[in-house]
Amino acid sequence: MSNTQRNAVIGFVVVLVTSLLVAGALVLKQKQTTQTAQTTVATQSTDSSDISSDSASIISSSTDSGSDSSDVYKDGTYQATGSYSSPAGTESIGISVTVQDDVVTATSATSQAQDNDSKAYQQDFISAYSSYVVGKKLSDIHLGVVAGSSLTPNGFNQALETIKQQAKA
């Protein structure tokens, strides 16, 4: 075998090994991402079996299922506006939440977005979020991605924190 052929074989082997290492790293990264997503879904509230990781994630802000006197809220309907940063700038969303016996019994949201993309994401969020809020304890609600909207929930969560303060007994 000539030096040229040997160099060509060595070069081919190096490229092959490098390709396999890169492919293995990508598979490992994908597996880790999948496991992280599965862990997130597994830590959601026990009533979330109908939630797919693609459509929504709910991050519980409290793992204590017992009643804590500091988490008692006055019955009523509360409203607040939350803002968040988007690629188009600061956007806002208004929410209204009705609380009875520390549980959300009704909710509504109003898009206050200025940017067309933000308006679309807010509408997607508004059309899907209530099923993750109504029937849940107010103290346990903290939304992640809903209907593909990953930024709007930040505004919702900010407004919800204001409401939690307003509703404290």
Foldseek 3Di string as FASTA:
>chain_A
DDPVVVVVVVVVVVVVVVVVVVVVVVVVVVVVVVVVLVVQQVPADPPCPVDDSVAWGWDWPDPDPDDDLQLFFAFDKDKFKFWWQDPVGIFIKIKIFGDDRQATADMAIDGRGDDPVSVVLVVQCRVWVVVVGHGDGLNTTQIAHHRNRGTHSNGVNRGSVVVSVVGGD
